[in-house]
């Protein structure tokens, strides 16, 4: 499993690249009524819940994540912006400390239905969502379409110790055709819709994606490698991403994830 507590200090570097996904999943969520409680599961440092809280001041947002360091960052944003309609708590997605049918909507971006006990998370989503309530989720699906991380994973195969297994392998298992949709339906969600969503990561130079993956240590364990090996990985990743280099020297790297939305 990725060490999300260790990632917390650098995680916001990732947010601009996936903001289009936040907008897409919120577009698939009917506008919550004034006073509604929206649960953001596996919220990391506060998204997409904070975007919703800013655009809909009459809606209450509760963000939860199992990584306490992530929650601390989210709470600091609430305090800095004086957002009275958002709060964040440490809570596991597969064991939510919330009453049955206690939230009006559920959102999640790249957390729910990916790691941990995926089946239990689906059941918990259905349990806490009121009847008639809506949900909107984004998950990594075919991991070859998570181009930056997939490219890094391929490069790392020849550098990490024997026996190292990427957690991306498990994500590919959950991406099996219709599997997540069936889990959501079996959990009690009556309407489940799904589609792929595509967008671009955009960088001014190769140093930006390299800084992103090296500082966050995204699913790699690369921090334990000696400096010479890390420099070799950097060269190989640069070559791997060369197809996405623009005449300006910048990079436009295609990505795609799967959106799920519907109603209980």
Foldseek 3Di string as FASTA:
>chain_A
DAPLLLLQVPVVLCCVQCVVVLVVLVVQFPLDDQAFEEEEEQQFLHPPPVVSCVVCVRYAYEYEHQRVNRQVNNVVVCVVVVRPRYHYDYDHLLDGPAAFQQGQEYEYEADACADDPNLSNLLSRNGNHHAFGKYKYWHAAQCVQVPLVVLLVVLCPVPDDPPDDFSVVVRNVSNPPCNSVVSNVVSPFPDKDKDKDKAWRKFQALVSSLCSCVSSVPRHPCVPGDPVVSVVSSVSSCVVQVVQQDPSRMGIRMHMIMMMMGGD
